[in-house]
Amino acid sequence: MQVQEPLTILIAEDSAADRLLLSTIVRRQGHEVLTAANGAEALDLFRQQRPDLVLMDAMMPVMDGFEAARQIKALAGETLVPIIFLTSLTESEALVRCLDAGGDDFLAKPYNQVILAAKIKAMDRLRRLQATVLQQRDLIAKHHDYLLNEQRVAKAVFDKVAHSGCLSAPNIRYLQSPYALFNGDLLLAAYTPAGDMHVLLGDFTGHGLPAAVGAMPLAEVFYGMTAKGYGLAETLREMNAKLKRILPVDMFCCATLLCLSSQRRSVEVWNGGMPDGYLHRIATGERVPLAARHLPLGVLSPQAFDDCTEVHPMAVGDRVFLLSDGVIDTSDASDQLFGVERLQQVFAANREPDRLFEDIEQALRDFRGEARDDVSMVEVSLLEPAQVKPSAPVYSDSGQSCPLDWSVSFEFCGATLKRFNPLPYLLQLLLEVHGLRAQSGALYSVLAELYSNALEHGVLGLDSSLKRDAAGFARYYQQRNDRLEALQDGFVRVHLQVQPQGDGGRLVIRVDDSGKGFDVARVMDRPLDGVRLSGRGVSLVRQLGRNASWSDEGRSARVEFSWEVQA
């Protein structure tokens, strides 16, 4: 049996005989005693000594027990100081008044020692329980504040990483409303070296900090590979492999990844487990669904992962609209979901394409729904090439040790052409030349066009004129995928030569392929500023490079870049 620790007990009783009797009983039970003859004295003693428990007579001069109890409770604050009223009152209303004044129990006169001891023990247990609860509450609050501070710091770092791209670009509009401090939805956007825009909208399982854990490595892969010029397929494979490797089995990331190209006037799309996106054609009002055709990132092994994308033509002003399932899963007071149908109704009712984003926001507000998950929407429109202004990469070295007189040749054959994208490696090599760095965008665009022309029209024998309309555009890329999958032989050769020239230097790029060639004169006669969906590559190379020429019936392309050393 646990021995009760001695308490300091205040006895407030105006009868000297009763006060002496109670003091004797309480001291015999092992407790310290303070005595007061009225409520005012009891209040003063409480302020000075802070007793653990109060035995309070209800009817006393100067200040009665009811008022003294109220003031003692106010002084005690959150700390429980039990008050047991000593009363000869028997009417229920009088007893209720004792409890309303702050009393925790009452003891009827004449006093019974056994009952008094039991009540003191019971009140002491309550007092200790309250103290434990307050202590645990304070610890929880302190721990909660600590966790919140940690999350705020982590979120600040996360936001710096996740939002280091071009979300502020004039052709992007977005809304993100996190369900918790951390957003389980991830929105990333960045320019490639050629000025194409990669956009990713992802939705991790769950929300809050656990859902954001995978966002950091995903953002790192996205920004790193986009900046180096990797395409969607390579970026997707790397993101999937990384998430598969680091995430627990019950976590994955639904995602839609886009590549908008103002130069090619197209959008390349991969949708893994996200709600349908939409390509909104301004001229016709047509909405092309961008449906999920793949499993989310982090589900399949690298060997089983499917990186096949769809390519759609776009006109300037056309826009792509993406959303997370938090939008359509928003529910109203009667537990009805906003749903795809309401979203489609907003699309159908829209008469001003520039206000589509606001119309959807307004529809969600009118629905008066409550989000059950993170809510994200993004709209990306296609700009004219001249309006695209990617920021130039920053280099810290002086360029004094860069190579100035060298050449290198590569030959890429059948099996390599199927899977390998050499452009990031070639660009990285060329940007070791300090003088070329200011032209990195144009350099990459030219390399990309020469390589894709050599591969698609040379090795694969695709007819560019197929891309004259949307249906032909789809057929072209389907043929590309089929022929690339069946490719057995053929080659693309790339030769790079860097030479000093005056106070600067010159780069010569030559790309050869094993194809049948093309009518060089006919293609060269085309105007440089055509708006066709096909045959734009040669014009682009001629605009961005110097002395562009084709020989060997179009199977060999040559272009130059030059630079001057800045004083």
Protein backbone atom coordinates (compact mmCIF):
# COMPACT_ATOMS: atom_id res chain seq x y z
CA MET A 1 0.00 0.00 0.00
CA GLN A 2 1.40 3.36 -1.05
CA VAL A 3 1.89 5.80 1.87
CA GLN A 4 0.26 9.16 1.21
CA GLU A 5 2.68 12.07 1.14
CA PRO A 6 1.90 14.82 3.69
CA LEU A 7 -0.06 17.76 2.34
CA THR A 8 -0.34 21.38 3.43
CA ILE A 9 -4.03 21.86 4.22
CA LEU A 10 -5.70 25.20 4.87
CA ILE A 11 -8.64 25.07 7.31
CA ALA A 12 -10.99 28.09 7.12
CA GLU A 13 -13.54 27.89 9.97
CA ASP A 14 -14.97 30.70 12.09
CA SER A 15 -15.72 28.40 15.06
CA ALA A 16 -12.58 28.07 17.22
CA ALA A 17 -13.75 24.70 18.57
CA ASP A 18 -14.40 23.25 15.12
CA ARG A 19 -11.11 24.73 13.89
CA LEU A 20 -9.22 23.01 16.75
CA LEU A 21 -11.04 19.71 16.19
CA LEU A 22 -10.34 19.66 12.46
CA SER A 23 -6.71 20.70 12.97
CA THR A 24 -6.19 17.81 15.41
CA ILE A 25 -7.79 15.26 13.06
CA VAL A 26 -5.79 16.47 10.02
CA ARG A 27 -2.46 16.58 11.89
CA ARG A 28 -3.02 13.03 13.16
CA GLN A 29 -3.35 11.97 9.52
CA GLY A 30 0.17 13.31 8.90
CA HIS A 31 -0.56 16.64 7.20
CA GLU A 32 0.57 20.20 7.90
CA VAL A 33 -2.17 22.64 8.91
CA LEU A 34 -2.82 26.34 8.26
CA THR A 35 -5.85 27.94 9.94
CA ALA A 36 -8.03 30.97 9.17
CA ALA A 37 -11.07 32.39 11.00
CA ASN A 38 -12.78 33.88 7.93
CA GLY A 39 -12.65 34.00 4.14
CA ALA A 40 -10.39 37.07 3.99
CA GLU A 41 -7.76 35.42 6.21
CA ALA A 42 -8.02 32.25 4.16
CA LEU A 43 -7.38 34.23 0.98
CA ASP A 44 -4.30 35.96 2.48
CA LEU A 45 -2.87 32.64 3.68
CA PHE A 46 -3.45 31.08 0.30
CA ARG A 47 -1.53 33.89 -1.40
CA GLN A 48 1.41 33.46 1.02
CA GLN A 49 1.61 29.68 1.51
CA ARG A 50 -0.07 28.10 -1.53
CA PRO A 51 -1.55 25.10 0.35
CA ASP A 52 -2.36 21.84 -1.49
CA LEU A 53 -5.95 21.55 -0.31
CA VAL A 54 -8.56 23.76 1.43
CA LEU A 55 -11.23 22.81 3.97
CA MET A 56 -13.66 25.76 3.74
CA ASP A 57 -16.59 26.63 5.99
CA ALA A 58 -19.44 28.01 3.92
CA MET A 59 -20.79 30.54 6.42
CA MET A 60 -18.11 32.90 7.84
CA PRO A 61 -17.89 36.63 8.72
CA VAL A 62 -15.93 39.29 6.80
CA MET A 63 -15.88 37.09 3.64
CA ASP A 64 -17.99 33.96 3.32
CA GLY A 65 -16.64 30.66 2.02
CA PHE A 66 -18.33 31.02 -1.38
CA GLU A 67 -16.51 34.25 -2.28
CA ALA A 68 -13.22 32.99 -0.81
CA ALA A 69 -13.49 29.80 -2.89
CA ARG A 70 -14.09 31.77 -6.09
CA GLN A 71 -11.04 33.98 -5.49
CA ILE A 72 -8.80 31.06 -4.48
CA LYS A 73 -9.74 29.20 -7.69
CA ALA A 74 -8.93 32.32 -9.72
CA LEU A 75 -5.52 32.64 -8.01
CA ALA A 76 -4.76 28.93 -8.52
CA GLY A 77 -5.31 29.21 -12.28
CA GLU A 78 -4.75 25.89 -14.06
CA THR A 79 -3.34 24.24 -10.91
CA LEU A 80 -5.99 22.17 -9.16
CA VAL A 81 -6.34 23.17 -5.50
CA PRO A 82 -9.25 21.04 -4.24
CA ILE A 83 -11.75 22.81 -1.96
CA ILE A 84 -13.91 20.71 0.37
CA PHE A 85 -16.77 22.74 1.84
CA LEU A 86 -17.56 22.21 5.52
CA THR A 87 -21.27 22.74 5.93
CA SER A 88 -24.28 21.96 8.06
CA LEU A 89 -26.47 22.84 5.10
CA THR A 90 -28.57 19.97 3.84
CA GLU A 91 -30.81 21.53 1.21
CA SER A 92 -29.80 20.52 -2.30
CA GLU A 93 -29.81 24.13 -3.52
CA ALA A 94 -27.31 25.11 -0.81
CA LEU A 95 -25.04 22.19 -1.70
CA VAL A 96 -25.19 23.08 -5.39
CA ARG A 97 -24.16 26.63 -4.44
CA CYS A 98 -21.03 25.19 -2.81
CA LEU A 99 -20.06 23.43 -6.04
CA ASP A 100 -20.92 26.45 -8.23
CA ALA A 101 -18.57 28.60 -6.14
CA GLY A 102 -15.67 26.33 -7.07
CA GLY A 103 -15.96 23.63 -4.45
CA ASP A 104 -14.89 20.13 -5.45
CA ASP A 105 -16.68 18.26 -2.64
CA PHE A 106 -18.39 18.89 0.71
CA LEU A 107 -18.29 17.37 4.18
CA ALA A 108 -21.32 17.54 6.48
CA LYS A 109 -21.05 18.43 10.16
CA PRO A 110 -20.45 16.74 12.59
CA TYR A 111 -17.16 15.53 11.12
CA ASN A 112 -16.39 11.84 10.54
CA GLN A 113 -12.63 11.18 10.64
CA VAL A 114 -12.79 8.20 8.25
CA ILE A 115 -14.83 10.05 5.64
CA LEU A 116 -12.60 13.13 5.94
CA ALA A 117 -9.46 11.02 5.40
CA ALA A 118 -11.03 9.32 2.37
CA LYS A 119 -12.06 12.64 0.84
CA ILE A 120 -8.60 14.14 1.38
CA LYS A 121 -7.03 11.10 -0.34
CA ALA A 122 -9.48 11.29 -3.24
CA MET A 123 -8.87 15.02 -3.73
CA ASP A 124 -5.12 14.46 -3.57
CA ARG A 125 -5.38 11.86 -6.34
CA LEU A 126 -7.32 14.36 -8.47
CA ARG A 127 -4.76 17.08 -7.72
CA ARG A 128 -1.85 14.85 -8.77
CA LEU A 129 -3.71 13.68 -11.89
CA GLN A 130 -4.36 17.29 -12.90
CA ALA A 131 -0.68 18.15 -12.35
CA THR A 132 0.36 15.19 -14.51
CA VAL A 133 -2.08 16.15 -17.25
CA LEU A 134 -0.82 19.75 -17.26
CA GLN A 135 2.78 18.58 -17.37
CA GLN A 136 2.06 16.23 -20.28
CA ARG A 137 0.10 18.94 -22.08
CA ASP A 138 3.02 21.35 -21.74
CA LEU A 139 5.43 18.69 -22.99
CA ILE A 140 3.16 17.94 -25.95
CA ALA A 141 2.83 21.66 -26.73
CA LYS A 142 6.60 22.10 -26.51
CA HIS A 143 7.17 19.07 -28.72
CA HIS A 144 4.51 20.31 -31.15
CA ASP A 145 6.19 23.73 -31.39
CA TYR A 146 9.54 22.01 -31.92
CA LEU A 147 8.12 19.86 -34.71
CA LEU A 148 6.40 22.84 -36.31
CA ASN A 149 9.64 24.79 -36.25
CA GLU A 150 11.48 21.85 -37.80
CA GLN A 151 8.79 21.58 -40.47
CA ARG A 152 8.99 25.32 -41.19
CA VAL A 153 12.75 25.09 -41.66
CA ALA A 154 12.36 21.97 -43.81
CA LYS A 155 9.59 23.65 -45.81
CA ALA A 156 11.76 26.71 -46.42
CA VAL A 157 14.51 24.45 -47.80
CA PHE A 158 11.95 22.39 -49.73
CA ASP A 159 10.39 25.50 -51.30
CA LYS A 160 13.82 26.77 -52.37
CA VAL A 161 14.53 23.46 -54.10
CA ALA A 162 11.05 22.74 -55.45
CA HIS A 163 10.39 26.28 -56.70
CA SER A 164 13.81 27.08 -58.13
CA GLY A 165 12.57 26.77 -61.70
CA CYS A 166 10.40 29.05 -63.86
CA LEU A 167 6.97 28.93 -62.18
CA SER A 168 6.96 32.72 -62.47
CA ALA A 169 7.08 32.54 -66.29
CA PRO A 170 4.33 34.60 -67.97
CA ASN A 171 2.70 31.56 -69.59
CA ILE A 172 2.15 29.65 -66.31
CA ARG A 173 -0.77 30.10 -63.94
CA TYR A 174 -1.20 27.84 -60.97
CA LEU A 175 -3.07 27.32 -57.72
CA GLN A 176 -1.79 25.19 -54.84
CA SER A 177 -3.68 24.73 -51.58
CA PRO A 178 -1.94 22.26 -49.25
CA TYR A 179 -4.04 20.09 -46.92
CA ALA A 180 -1.21 20.26 -44.35
CA LEU A 181 1.87 22.48 -43.86
CA PHE A 182 3.69 20.47 -46.50
CA ASN A 183 2.09 20.01 -49.87
CA GLY A 184 1.92 16.41 -51.07
CA ASP A 185 1.31 17.82 -54.55
CA LEU A 186 4.44 18.90 -56.37
CA LEU A 187 4.55 21.49 -59.15
CA LEU A 188 7.86 21.99 -60.98
CA ALA A 189 8.75 23.91 -64.13
CA ALA A 190 12.08 24.55 -65.83
CA TYR A 191 13.54 25.46 -69.21
CA THR A 192 15.75 23.12 -71.20
CA PRO A 193 18.91 24.56 -72.80
CA ALA A 194 16.97 24.84 -76.08
CA GLY A 195 14.21 26.93 -74.47
CA ASP A 196 11.60 24.17 -74.25
CA MET A 197 9.64 24.12 -70.99
CA HIS A 198 9.32 21.02 -68.83
CA VAL A 199 6.43 21.01 -66.36
CA LEU A 200 5.68 18.34 -63.75
CA LEU A 201 2.56 18.08 -61.62
CA GLY A 202 2.90 15.25 -59.11
CA ASP A 203 0.74 13.88 -56.32
CA PHE A 204 2.40 11.71 -53.67
CA THR A 205 0.33 9.24 -51.66
CA GLY A 206 -0.95 10.92 -48.49
CA HIS A 207 -0.19 14.52 -47.57
CA GLY A 208 1.99 16.53 -45.20
CA LEU A 209 5.61 15.76 -44.40
CA PRO A 210 5.56 12.03 -45.36
CA ALA A 211 4.20 12.93 -48.80
CA ALA A 212 6.85 15.64 -49.23
CA VAL A 213 9.76 13.33 -48.41
CA GLY A 214 9.97 12.02 -51.97
CA ALA A 215 9.56 15.49 -53.46
CA MET A 216 13.15 16.59 -52.78
CA PRO A 217 14.89 13.83 -54.76
CA LEU A 218 12.24 14.09 -57.48
CA ALA A 219 12.82 17.84 -57.82
CA GLU A 220 16.58 17.29 -57.84
CA VAL A 221 16.33 14.82 -60.74
CA PHE A 222 13.82 17.01 -62.62
CA TYR A 223 15.83 20.23 -62.44
CA GLY A 224 19.22 18.59 -62.92
CA MET A 225 18.27 16.56 -65.99
CA THR A 226 16.16 19.34 -67.55
CA ALA A 227 19.04 21.81 -67.24
CA LYS A 228 21.38 19.33 -68.94
CA GLY A 229 19.03 18.83 -71.87
CA TYR A 230 17.64 15.38 -71.18
CA GLY A 231 14.27 14.60 -72.71
CA LEU A 232 11.14 13.37 -70.97
CA ALA A 233 11.93 9.67 -71.44
CA GLU A 234 15.35 9.82 -69.76
CA THR A 235 14.06 12.07 -66.96
CA LEU A 236 11.08 9.80 -66.33
CA ARG A 237 13.25 6.69 -66.16
CA GLU A 238 15.61 8.30 -63.67
CA MET A 239 12.79 9.67 -61.48
CA ASN A 240 11.01 6.32 -61.43
CA ALA A 241 14.19 4.40 -60.59
CA LYS A 242 15.07 6.81 -57.78
CA LEU A 243 11.62 6.74 -56.19
CA LYS A 244 11.43 2.96 -56.52
CA ARG A 245 14.76 2.73 -54.73
CA ILE A 246 14.06 5.11 -51.81
CA LEU A 247 10.31 5.03 -51.12
CA PRO A 248 8.52 2.39 -49.01
CA VAL A 249 6.32 0.00 -50.98
CA ASP A 250 3.08 1.80 -50.08
CA MET A 251 4.29 5.17 -51.40
CA PHE A 252 4.43 6.36 -54.99
CA CYS A 253 3.90 9.51 -57.03
CA CYS A 254 1.16 10.00 -59.60
CA ALA A 255 2.53 12.51 -62.11
CA THR A 256 1.97 14.29 -65.39
CA LEU A 257 5.10 15.49 -67.17
CA LEU A 258 4.99 17.92 -70.12
CA CYS A 259 7.47 19.29 -72.61
CA LEU A 260 6.14 22.43 -74.33
CA SER A 261 8.19 23.45 -77.35
CA SER A 262 7.61 26.85 -78.91
CA GLN A 263 10.10 26.00 -81.66
CA ARG A 264 8.37 22.76 -82.65
CA ARG A 265 4.91 24.02 -81.65
CA SER A 266 4.09 20.86 -79.81
CA VAL A 267 3.52 19.40 -76.38
CA GLU A 268 4.89 16.02 -75.32
CA VAL A 269 2.93 14.35 -72.52
CA TRP A 270 3.36 11.46 -70.06
CA ASN A 271 0.56 10.82 -67.56
CA GLY A 272 1.01 8.24 -64.82
CA GLY A 273 -2.05 7.91 -62.59
CA MET A 274 -3.15 11.57 -62.55
CA PRO A 275 -6.64 12.82 -63.50
CA ASP A 276 -7.05 13.67 -67.18
CA GLY A 277 -5.35 16.87 -68.25
CA TYR A 278 -6.65 18.84 -71.23
CA LEU A 279 -5.10 20.47 -74.26
CA HIS A 280 -7.38 23.40 -75.05
CA ARG A 281 -7.19 24.54 -78.67
CA ILE A 282 -8.14 28.22 -78.81
CA ALA A 283 -9.00 28.38 -82.52
CA THR A 284 -11.53 25.51 -82.51
CA GLY A 285 -12.48 25.25 -78.83
CA GLU A 286 -11.52 21.56 -78.94
CA ARG A 287 -10.38 19.95 -75.69
CA VAL A 288 -8.02 17.02 -76.16
CA PRO A 289 -7.93 14.79 -73.05
CA LEU A 290 -4.45 13.96 -71.79
CA ALA A 291 -5.41 10.68 -70.16
CA ALA A 292 -3.38 8.54 -67.76
CA ARG A 293 -1.88 5.65 -69.72
CA HIS A 294 0.83 4.64 -67.25
CA LEU A 295 1.29 3.56 -63.64
CA PRO A 296 2.61 6.18 -61.17
CA LEU A 297 6.31 6.82 -60.62
CA GLY A 298 7.94 4.53 -58.07
CA VAL A 299 5.66 1.53 -58.69
CA LEU A 300 7.41 -0.42 -61.44
CA SER A 301 10.97 -1.66 -61.59
CA PRO A 302 13.29 0.15 -64.02
CA GLN A 303 13.03 -2.82 -66.40
CA ALA A 304 9.22 -2.78 -66.47
CA PHE A 305 8.79 1.02 -66.55
CA ASP A 306 7.11 2.46 -69.67
CA ASP A 307 8.47 5.87 -70.74
CA CYS A 308 6.41 6.18 -73.95
CA THR A 309 5.00 9.68 -74.43
CA GLU A 310 2.35 11.26 -76.65
CA VAL A 311 3.04 14.30 -78.80
CA HIS A 312 0.34 16.81 -79.82
CA PRO A 313 0.65 19.88 -82.05
CA MET A 314 -0.04 23.27 -80.47
CA ALA A 315 -0.66 26.73 -81.81
CA VAL A 316 0.47 29.90 -80.09
CA GLY A 317 -2.07 30.69 -77.37
CA ASP A 318 -3.21 27.07 -76.96
CA ARG A 319 -3.00 25.93 -73.36
CA VAL A 320 -2.61 22.79 -71.32
CA PHE A 321 -4.63 22.45 -68.13
CA LEU A 322 -3.56 19.97 -65.41
CA LEU A 323 -5.07 19.23 -62.00
CA SER A 324 -4.59 16.93 -59.02
CA ASP A 325 -7.37 14.67 -57.75
CA GLY A 326 -7.79 17.01 -54.77
CA VAL A 327 -9.77 19.27 -57.14
CA ILE A 328 -12.35 16.71 -58.26
CA ASP A 329 -12.46 15.06 -54.81
CA THR A 330 -13.44 18.32 -53.07
CA SER A 331 -16.71 17.61 -51.23
CA ASP A 332 -19.60 19.85 -50.14
CA ALA A 333 -21.63 19.80 -46.90
CA SER A 334 -23.76 16.89 -48.14
CA ASP A 335 -20.63 14.86 -48.99
CA GLN A 336 -21.07 15.24 -52.77
CA LEU A 337 -17.86 15.48 -54.80
CA PHE A 338 -17.06 18.33 -57.19
CA GLY A 339 -16.30 15.60 -59.72
CA VAL A 340 -15.24 15.46 -63.36
CA GLU A 341 -18.74 16.36 -64.67
CA ARG A 342 -18.76 19.76 -62.95
CA LEU A 343 -15.27 20.41 -64.28
CA GLN A 344 -16.44 19.53 -67.81
CA GLN A 345 -19.40 21.89 -67.38
CA VAL A 346 -17.01 24.73 -66.53
CA PHE A 347 -15.00 23.95 -69.66
CA ALA A 348 -18.15 23.87 -71.79
CA ALA A 349 -19.51 27.13 -70.36
CA ASN A 350 -16.25 29.04 -70.81
CA ARG A 351 -16.38 31.65 -73.58
CA GLU A 352 -13.13 33.48 -72.80
CA PRO A 353 -10.08 31.18 -72.85
CA ASP A 354 -8.07 33.72 -70.82
CA ARG A 355 -10.59 33.35 -67.99
CA LEU A 356 -10.78 29.55 -67.91
CA PHE A 357 -8.50 29.31 -64.88
CA GLU A 358 -10.59 31.89 -62.95
CA ASP A 359 -13.81 30.11 -63.99
CA ILE A 360 -12.60 26.87 -62.43
CA GLU A 361 -11.49 28.67 -59.26
CA GLN A 362 -14.89 30.38 -59.05
CA ALA A 363 -16.72 27.09 -59.58
CA LEU A 364 -14.80 25.56 -56.67
CA ARG A 365 -15.67 28.56 -54.48
CA ASP A 366 -19.36 28.40 -55.49
CA PHE A 367 -19.40 24.69 -54.70
CA ARG A 368 -18.40 25.66 -51.14
CA GLY A 369 -16.52 22.42 -50.85
CA GLU A 370 -14.04 21.18 -48.31
CA ALA A 371 -10.77 19.75 -49.61
CA ARG A 372 -9.95 16.20 -48.57
CA ASP A 373 -6.49 16.33 -50.07
CA ASP A 374 -3.92 18.76 -51.46
CA VAL A 375 -5.45 20.83 -54.28
CA SER A 376 -3.36 21.83 -57.31
CA MET A 377 -4.18 23.28 -60.73
CA VAL A 378 -1.84 24.58 -63.41
CA GLU A 379 -2.40 26.14 -66.83
CA VAL A 380 0.47 26.49 -69.32
CA SER A 381 0.07 28.30 -72.63
CA LEU A 382 2.32 28.21 -75.70
CA LEU A 383 4.30 31.37 -76.45
CA GLU A 384 5.98 32.60 -79.59
CA PRO A 385 9.67 31.52 -79.63
CA ALA A 386 10.76 35.16 -79.27
CA GLN A 387 8.77 35.45 -76.02
CA VAL A 388 10.59 32.54 -74.36
CA LYS A 389 13.36 33.90 -72.18
CA PRO A 390 15.12 31.14 -70.21
CA SER A 391 17.68 32.44 -67.75
CA ALA A 392 21.30 31.81 -68.76
CA PRO A 393 23.25 29.34 -66.60
CA VAL A 394 25.81 30.87 -64.24
CA TYR A 395 29.41 29.61 -64.34
CA SER A 396 31.95 30.39 -61.66
CA ASP A 397 35.25 29.61 -63.42
CA SER A 398 37.23 32.17 -65.39
CA GLY A 399 37.64 30.04 -68.50
CA GLN A 400 41.44 30.32 -68.45
CA SER A 401 41.86 26.54 -68.50
CA CYS A 402 39.28 25.73 -71.18
CA PRO A 403 40.40 23.64 -74.21
CA LEU A 404 40.82 25.68 -77.43
CA ASP A 405 42.17 23.32 -80.11
CA TRP A 406 40.60 19.87 -80.26
CA SER A 407 38.21 17.63 -82.17
CA VAL A 408 36.20 14.54 -81.33
CA SER A 409 33.99 12.13 -83.28
CA PHE A 410 31.14 9.87 -82.15
CA GLU A 411 29.25 7.17 -83.98
CA PHE A 412 25.90 6.02 -82.60
CA CYS A 413 24.50 2.79 -84.04
CA GLY A 414 21.22 0.82 -83.91
CA ALA A 415 21.04 -0.42 -80.32
CA THR A 416 22.38 2.89 -78.97
CA LEU A 417 20.00 5.01 -81.03
CA LYS A 418 17.02 3.20 -79.50
CA ARG A 419 17.71 4.24 -75.92
CA PHE A 420 20.56 6.71 -75.66
CA ASN A 421 20.26 10.50 -75.90
CA PRO A 422 23.78 11.87 -76.56
CA LEU A 423 22.79 15.54 -76.55
CA PRO A 424 23.39 16.29 -72.82
CA TYR A 425 26.85 14.71 -73.06
CA LEU A 426 27.74 16.65 -76.21
CA LEU A 427 26.52 19.93 -74.71
CA GLN A 428 28.44 19.35 -71.48
CA LEU A 429 31.58 18.71 -73.49
CA LEU A 430 31.14 21.86 -75.59
CA LEU A 431 30.40 24.07 -72.58
CA GLU A 432 33.87 23.36 -71.28
CA VAL A 433 34.76 25.93 -73.95
CA HIS A 434 34.23 29.20 -72.12
CA GLY A 435 33.41 31.22 -75.24
CA LEU A 436 30.49 28.95 -76.17
CA ARG A 437 28.63 29.31 -72.89
CA ALA A 438 26.82 32.49 -73.84
CA GLN A 439 25.36 30.60 -76.84
CA SER A 440 24.38 27.45 -74.91
CA GLY A 441 20.68 27.72 -75.83
CA ALA A 442 21.27 28.16 -79.54
CA LEU A 443 24.00 25.51 -79.47
CA TYR A 444 21.72 22.95 -77.90
CA SER A 445 18.84 23.80 -80.25
CA VAL A 446 21.06 23.29 -83.30
CA LEU A 447 22.53 20.04 -81.96
CA ALA A 448 19.04 18.76 -81.14
CA GLU A 449 17.67 19.60 -84.58
CA LEU A 450 20.62 18.12 -86.46
CA TYR A 451 20.55 14.93 -84.39
CA SER A 452 16.76 14.47 -84.55
CA ASN A 453 16.76 15.14 -88.32
CA ALA A 454 19.56 12.60 -88.80
CA LEU A 455 17.75 10.03 -86.68
CA GLU A 456 14.14 10.58 -87.74
CA HIS A 457 14.43 11.51 -91.43
CA GLY A 458 17.76 9.83 -92.11
CA VAL A 459 18.00 6.56 -90.18
CA LEU A 460 14.26 6.00 -89.62
CA GLY A 461 13.13 7.41 -92.96
CA LEU A 462 10.17 9.37 -91.57
CA ASP A 463 8.35 11.84 -93.82
CA SER A 464 8.19 15.27 -92.17
CA SER A 465 5.18 16.26 -94.30
CA LEU A 466 3.06 13.86 -92.26
CA LYS A 467 2.97 16.54 -89.56
CA ARG A 468 0.81 18.88 -91.65
CA ASP A 469 -2.20 18.41 -89.31
CA ALA A 470 -3.03 17.02 -85.84
CA ALA A 471 -3.93 13.54 -87.09
CA GLY A 472 -0.75 13.34 -89.17
CA PHE A 473 1.22 14.61 -86.21
CA ALA A 474 0.01 11.65 -84.13
CA ARG A 475 0.78 9.21 -86.98
CA TYR A 476 4.29 10.62 -87.34
CA TYR A 477 5.19 10.01 -83.70
CA GLN A 478 3.55 6.59 -83.70
CA GLN A 479 5.67 5.64 -86.73
CA ARG A 480 8.73 7.06 -85.00
CA ASN A 481 8.18 4.84 -81.95
CA ASP A 482 7.48 1.75 -84.05
CA ARG A 483 10.49 2.19 -86.35
CA LEU A 484 12.82 3.02 -83.49
CA GLU A 485 11.72 -0.14 -81.66
CA ALA A 486 12.37 -2.25 -84.76
CA LEU A 487 15.71 -0.57 -85.61
CA GLN A 488 18.57 -3.01 -86.22
CA ASP A 489 21.25 -1.03 -88.05
CA GLY A 490 22.05 2.44 -89.33
CA PHE A 491 24.16 5.16 -87.73
CA VAL A 492 24.40 8.83 -86.77
CA ARG A 493 27.90 10.31 -86.64
CA VAL A 494 28.72 13.55 -84.86
CA HIS A 495 32.02 15.34 -85.37
CA LEU A 496 32.96 18.39 -83.26
CA GLN A 497 35.98 20.57 -83.96
CA VAL A 498 37.08 23.59 -81.92
CA GLN A 499 39.76 25.92 -83.33
CA PRO A 500 41.29 29.23 -82.15
CA GLN A 501 40.32 32.11 -84.43
CA GLY A 502 41.61 35.65 -83.91
CA ASP A 503 40.82 36.69 -80.35
CA GLY A 504 38.23 33.95 -80.00
CA GLY A 505 37.46 30.66 -81.62
CA ARG A 506 35.26 28.65 -83.94
CA LEU A 507 33.21 25.47 -83.49
CA VAL A 508 32.36 23.29 -86.46
CA ILE A 509 29.60 20.71 -86.02
CA ARG A 510 29.10 18.00 -88.62
CA VAL A 511 26.35 15.39 -88.38
CA ASP A 512 26.17 12.47 -90.85
CA ASP A 513 23.55 9.74 -91.11
CA SER A 514 23.00 6.48 -92.99
CA GLY A 515 19.65 7.52 -94.51
CA LYS A 516 18.53 8.08 -98.07
CA GLY A 517 19.02 11.84 -97.95
CA PHE A 518 16.63 14.54 -99.17
CA ASP A 519 16.28 17.24 -101.80
CA VAL A 520 18.53 19.87 -100.24
CA ALA A 521 17.76 22.60 -102.79
CA ARG A 522 13.99 22.30 -102.31
CA VAL A 523 14.22 22.51 -98.54
CA MET A 524 16.73 25.40 -98.63
CA ASP A 525 14.35 27.40 -100.82
CA ARG A 526 11.70 27.44 -98.08
CA PRO A 527 11.30 30.77 -96.23
CA LEU A 528 12.93 30.98 -92.81
CA ASP A 529 9.80 32.07 -90.96
CA GLY A 530 7.29 29.42 -92.03
CA VAL A 531 4.49 28.46 -89.65
CA ARG A 532 4.19 24.84 -90.74
CA LEU A 533 4.21 22.00 -88.25
CA SER A 534 6.71 20.23 -90.51
CA GLY A 535 10.08 21.05 -92.03
CA ARG A 536 11.05 23.66 -89.43
CA GLY A 537 14.38 22.07 -88.38
CA VAL A 538 16.47 23.25 -91.33
CA SER A 539 15.17 26.82 -90.94
CA LEU A 540 15.98 26.81 -87.25
CA VAL A 541 19.55 25.61 -87.85
CA ARG A 542 20.07 28.29 -90.48
CA GLN A 543 18.78 31.00 -88.12
CA LEU A 544 20.77 29.99 -85.04
CA GLY A 545 24.07 28.82 -86.56
CA ARG A 546 26.48 30.20 -89.16
CA ASN A 547 27.29 28.90 -92.62
CA ALA A 548 24.83 26.00 -92.37
CA SER A 549 25.14 23.65 -95.32
CA TRP A 550 24.08 20.14 -96.37
CA SER A 551 25.95 17.77 -98.66
CA ASP A 552 25.93 14.12 -99.76
CA GLU A 553 22.27 14.54 -100.80
CA GLY A 554 21.35 15.82 -97.37
CA ARG A 555 23.02 13.00 -95.42
CA SER A 556 25.73 15.32 -94.08
CA ALA A 557 24.98 18.60 -92.27
CA ARG A 558 27.55 21.19 -91.27
CA VAL A 559 27.16 24.35 -89.16
CA GLU A 560 29.50 26.76 -87.39
CA PHE A 561 29.52 28.83 -84.19
CA SER A 562 32.14 31.45 -83.39
CA TRP A 563 32.97 33.71 -80.48
CA GLU A 564 35.21 36.59 -79.50
CA VAL A 565 37.07 36.87 -76.21
CA GLN A 566 35.50 39.60 -74.08
CA ALA A 567 37.99 42.16 -72.78
